[in-house]
Amino acid sequence: MNWISVNNKLPEQLKELVIKPNDGLSPEITKKLIVLTDLGTVTDNKRLKMQVGEKEWTWFMGYDGETVTHWAVFEEPKQ
């Protein structure tokens, strides 16, 4: 797995990771990612573009008292 620092690049900067819905109602979202926090938590997550306010990208799941520091592309297991 190749970890990418959030300080270097965010997933939404890679077109191949962004899913743009066709319905005009759903937010843009990234494909599934693996994330690492500053406290060592590793989980799956996604980034989504908020549809109100500043319309900024944010992590789909938040981490109470933790900050995402790195991410990697989730790769489906080969069958």
N, C-alpha and C. Protein backbone atom coordinates (compact mmCIF):
# COMPACT_ATOMS: atom_id res chain seq x y z
N MET A 1 0.85 -1.17 0.00
CA MET A 1 0.00 0.00 0.00
C MET A 1 0.90 1.24 0.00
N ASN A 2 0.56 2.19 -0.84
CA ASN A 2 1.33 3.43 -0.92
C ASN A 2 0.57 4.56 -0.24
N TRP A 3 1.03 4.94 0.95
CA TRP A 3 0.39 6.03 1.69
C TRP A 3 0.75 7.36 1.06
N ILE A 4 -0.24 8.25 0.97
CA ILE A 4 -0.04 9.60 0.45
C ILE A 4 -0.40 10.57 1.56
N SER A 5 0.50 11.49 1.85
CA SER A 5 0.24 12.49 2.89
C SER A 5 -0.82 13.47 2.41
N VAL A 6 -1.75 13.83 3.31
CA VAL A 6 -2.77 14.82 2.97
C VAL A 6 -2.13 16.19 2.72
N ASN A 7 -0.88 16.37 3.18
CA ASN A 7 -0.16 17.62 2.94
C ASN A 7 0.36 17.70 1.51
N ASN A 8 0.49 16.54 0.85
CA ASN A 8 1.01 16.49 -0.51
C ASN A 8 -0.09 16.47 -1.56
N LYS A 9 -1.16 15.70 -1.30
CA LYS A 9 -2.23 15.56 -2.29
C LYS A 9 -3.46 15.01 -1.60
N LEU A 10 -4.63 15.44 -2.07
CA LEU A 10 -5.90 14.91 -1.57
C LEU A 10 -6.56 14.10 -2.69
N PRO A 11 -7.37 13.10 -2.32
CA PRO A 11 -7.95 12.21 -3.33
C PRO A 11 -8.76 12.91 -4.42
N GLU A 12 -9.46 13.98 -4.07
CA GLU A 12 -10.29 14.67 -5.06
C GLU A 12 -9.47 15.37 -6.14
N GLN A 13 -8.16 15.45 -5.95
CA GLN A 13 -7.29 16.03 -6.96
C GLN A 13 -6.99 15.04 -8.10
N LEU A 14 -7.38 13.79 -7.92
CA LEU A 14 -7.18 12.77 -8.95
C LEU A 14 -8.52 12.44 -9.59
N LYS A 15 -8.71 12.84 -10.84
CA LYS A 15 -9.99 12.67 -11.52
C LYS A 15 -10.49 11.24 -11.49
N GLU A 16 -9.60 10.27 -11.57
CA GLU A 16 -10.01 8.87 -11.61
C GLU A 16 -10.59 8.38 -10.28
N LEU A 17 -10.44 9.15 -9.22
CA LEU A 17 -11.00 8.77 -7.93
C LEU A 17 -12.34 9.45 -7.62
N VAL A 18 -12.73 10.44 -8.41
CA VAL A 18 -13.95 11.21 -8.13
C VAL A 18 -15.14 10.61 -8.90
N ILE A 19 -16.22 10.40 -8.17
CA ILE A 19 -17.48 9.93 -8.75
C ILE A 19 -18.43 11.12 -8.82
N LYS A 20 -18.82 11.49 -10.03
CA LYS A 20 -19.74 12.62 -10.23
C LYS A 20 -21.11 12.05 -10.56
N PRO A 21 -22.09 12.25 -9.67
CA PRO A 21 -23.43 11.71 -9.92
C PRO A 21 -24.12 12.42 -11.09
N ASN A 22 -25.00 11.71 -11.74
CA ASN A 22 -25.74 12.27 -12.88
C ASN A 22 -27.09 12.85 -12.48
N ASP A 23 -27.49 12.64 -11.22
CA ASP A 23 -28.84 13.06 -10.84
C ASP A 23 -28.95 14.53 -10.43
N GLY A 24 -27.83 15.21 -10.26
CA GLY A 24 -27.86 16.61 -9.88
C GLY A 24 -28.22 16.86 -8.42
N LEU A 25 -28.51 15.79 -7.67
CA LEU A 25 -28.89 15.92 -6.27
C LEU A 25 -27.83 15.40 -5.31
N SER A 26 -27.13 14.37 -5.72
CA SER A 26 -26.12 13.74 -4.87
C SER A 26 -24.80 14.48 -4.97
N PRO A 27 -24.02 14.48 -3.88
CA PRO A 27 -22.73 15.18 -3.91
C PRO A 27 -21.68 14.38 -4.68
N GLU A 28 -20.66 15.08 -5.13
CA GLU A 28 -19.50 14.41 -5.68
C GLU A 28 -18.84 13.68 -4.52
N ILE A 29 -18.31 12.50 -4.79
CA ILE A 29 -17.69 11.69 -3.75
C ILE A 29 -16.53 10.93 -4.36
N THR A 30 -15.56 10.59 -3.54
CA THR A 30 -14.45 9.79 -4.05
C THR A 30 -14.76 8.31 -3.91
N LYS A 31 -14.00 7.51 -4.61
CA LYS A 31 -14.08 6.07 -4.43
C LYS A 31 -13.58 5.75 -3.02
N LYS A 32 -13.78 4.51 -2.58
CA LYS A 32 -13.36 4.10 -1.24
C LYS A 32 -11.85 4.23 -1.08
N LEU A 33 -11.44 4.75 0.08
CA LEU A 33 -10.05 4.96 0.41
C LEU A 33 -9.73 4.28 1.74
N ILE A 34 -8.46 4.08 1.99
CA ILE A 34 -7.98 3.66 3.31
C ILE A 34 -7.29 4.88 3.90
N VAL A 35 -7.62 5.22 5.14
CA VAL A 35 -7.01 6.39 5.76
C VAL A 35 -6.29 6.03 7.05
N LEU A 36 -5.29 6.84 7.38
CA LEU A 36 -4.49 6.70 8.60
C LEU A 36 -4.58 8.02 9.35
N THR A 37 -4.84 7.95 10.67
CA THR A 37 -4.93 9.18 11.47
C THR A 37 -3.64 9.38 12.26
N ASP A 38 -3.54 10.55 12.87
CA ASP A 38 -2.37 10.89 13.68
C ASP A 38 -2.23 10.00 14.90
N LEU A 39 -3.29 9.30 15.30
CA LEU A 39 -3.22 8.39 16.45
C LEU A 39 -3.09 6.93 16.03
N GLY A 40 -2.91 6.69 14.73
CA GLY A 40 -2.67 5.34 14.25
C GLY A 40 -3.90 4.56 13.84
N THR A 41 -5.07 5.18 13.85
CA THR A 41 -6.29 4.50 13.42
C THR A 41 -6.25 4.32 11.90
N VAL A 42 -6.59 3.11 11.44
CA VAL A 42 -6.67 2.83 10.01
C VAL A 42 -8.08 2.35 9.71
N THR A 43 -8.78 3.05 8.81
CA THR A 43 -10.15 2.69 8.44
C THR A 43 -10.38 3.00 6.97
N ASP A 44 -11.54 2.54 6.48
CA ASP A 44 -11.92 2.97 5.14
C ASP A 44 -12.75 4.24 5.27
N ASN A 45 -12.71 5.07 4.25
CA ASN A 45 -13.41 6.34 4.27
C ASN A 45 -13.52 6.85 2.84
N LYS A 46 -14.18 7.96 2.66
CA LYS A 46 -14.31 8.62 1.37
C LYS A 46 -14.26 10.12 1.62
N ARG A 47 -14.06 10.89 0.57
CA ARG A 47 -14.16 12.34 0.66
C ARG A 47 -15.41 12.73 -0.12
N LEU A 48 -16.13 13.74 0.37
CA LEU A 48 -17.29 14.21 -0.37
C LEU A 48 -17.29 15.73 -0.39
N LYS A 49 -17.90 16.26 -1.44
CA LYS A 49 -17.97 17.71 -1.60
C LYS A 49 -19.31 18.17 -1.04
N MET A 50 -19.23 19.01 -0.01
CA MET A 50 -20.43 19.51 0.63
C MET A 50 -21.25 20.31 -0.39
N GLN A 51 -22.56 20.25 -0.29
CA GLN A 51 -23.44 20.93 -1.23
C GLN A 51 -24.00 22.25 -0.70
N VAL A 52 -23.65 22.57 0.54
CA VAL A 52 -24.09 23.84 1.13
C VAL A 52 -22.88 24.58 1.69
N GLY A 53 -23.06 25.84 1.99
CA GLY A 53 -21.98 26.63 2.58
C GLY A 53 -20.83 26.83 1.61
N GLU A 54 -19.63 26.55 2.09
CA GLU A 54 -18.42 26.77 1.31
C GLU A 54 -18.23 25.75 0.19
N LYS A 55 -19.02 24.67 0.23
CA LYS A 55 -18.93 23.59 -0.76
C LYS A 55 -17.51 23.01 -0.83
N GLU A 56 -16.93 22.82 0.34
CA GLU A 56 -15.59 22.26 0.48
C GLU A 56 -15.65 20.74 0.50
N TRP A 57 -14.52 20.12 0.19
CA TRP A 57 -14.40 18.67 0.33
C TRP A 57 -14.11 18.34 1.79
N THR A 58 -14.68 17.23 2.29
CA THR A 58 -14.47 16.81 3.67
C THR A 58 -14.47 15.29 3.73
N TRP A 59 -13.95 14.76 4.81
CA TRP A 59 -13.98 13.30 5.00
C TRP A 59 -15.41 12.90 5.34
N PHE A 60 -15.89 11.82 4.75
CA PHE A 60 -17.25 11.33 4.98
C PHE A 60 -17.45 10.99 6.45
N MET A 61 -16.51 10.24 7.03
CA MET A 61 -16.56 9.90 8.46
C MET A 61 -15.53 10.75 9.20
N GLY A 62 -15.95 11.37 10.29
CA GLY A 62 -15.02 12.14 11.11
C GLY A 62 -14.39 11.25 12.17
N TYR A 63 -13.35 11.74 12.79
CA TYR A 63 -12.65 11.00 13.83
C TYR A 63 -12.54 11.91 15.04
N ASP A 64 -13.22 11.54 16.13
CA ASP A 64 -13.25 12.36 17.33
C ASP A 64 -11.85 12.45 17.93
N GLY A 65 -11.27 13.63 17.91
CA GLY A 65 -9.95 13.85 18.51
C GLY A 65 -8.80 13.35 17.66
N GLU A 66 -9.07 12.96 16.42
CA GLU A 66 -8.01 12.48 15.53
C GLU A 66 -8.07 13.24 14.21
N THR A 67 -6.95 13.27 13.54
CA THR A 67 -6.86 13.96 12.25
C THR A 67 -6.30 13.00 11.22
N VAL A 68 -6.93 12.97 10.04
CA VAL A 68 -6.42 12.13 8.95
C VAL A 68 -5.10 12.74 8.47
N THR A 69 -4.05 11.91 8.42
CA THR A 69 -2.74 12.37 7.98
C THR A 69 -2.33 11.78 6.64
N HIS A 70 -2.81 10.55 6.35
CA HIS A 70 -2.43 9.86 5.11
C HIS A 70 -3.62 9.10 4.56
N TRP A 71 -3.57 8.82 3.27
CA TRP A 71 -4.61 8.04 2.62
C TRP A 71 -3.98 7.18 1.53
N ALA A 72 -4.72 6.15 1.14
CA ALA A 72 -4.28 5.26 0.06
C ALA A 72 -5.51 4.80 -0.70
N VAL A 73 -5.32 4.45 -1.95
CA VAL A 73 -6.42 3.94 -2.76
C VAL A 73 -6.79 2.55 -2.26
N PHE A 74 -8.08 2.31 -2.06
CA PHE A 74 -8.55 0.99 -1.64
C PHE A 74 -8.54 0.06 -2.86
N GLU A 75 -7.90 -1.05 -2.70
CA GLU A 75 -7.85 -2.02 -3.80
C GLU A 75 -8.65 -3.25 -3.42
N GLU A 76 -9.61 -3.58 -4.25
CA GLU A 76 -10.44 -4.77 -4.01
C GLU A 76 -9.54 -6.01 -4.06
N PRO A 77 -9.76 -6.96 -3.16
CA PRO A 77 -8.98 -8.21 -3.18
C PRO A 77 -9.20 -8.94 -4.50
N LYS A 78 -8.14 -9.50 -5.00
CA LYS A 78 -8.25 -10.28 -6.25
C LYS A 78 -8.82 -11.64 -5.94
N GLN A 79 -9.73 -12.08 -6.81
CA GLN A 79 -10.40 -13.37 -6.56
C GLN A 79 -9.76 -14.46 -7.38
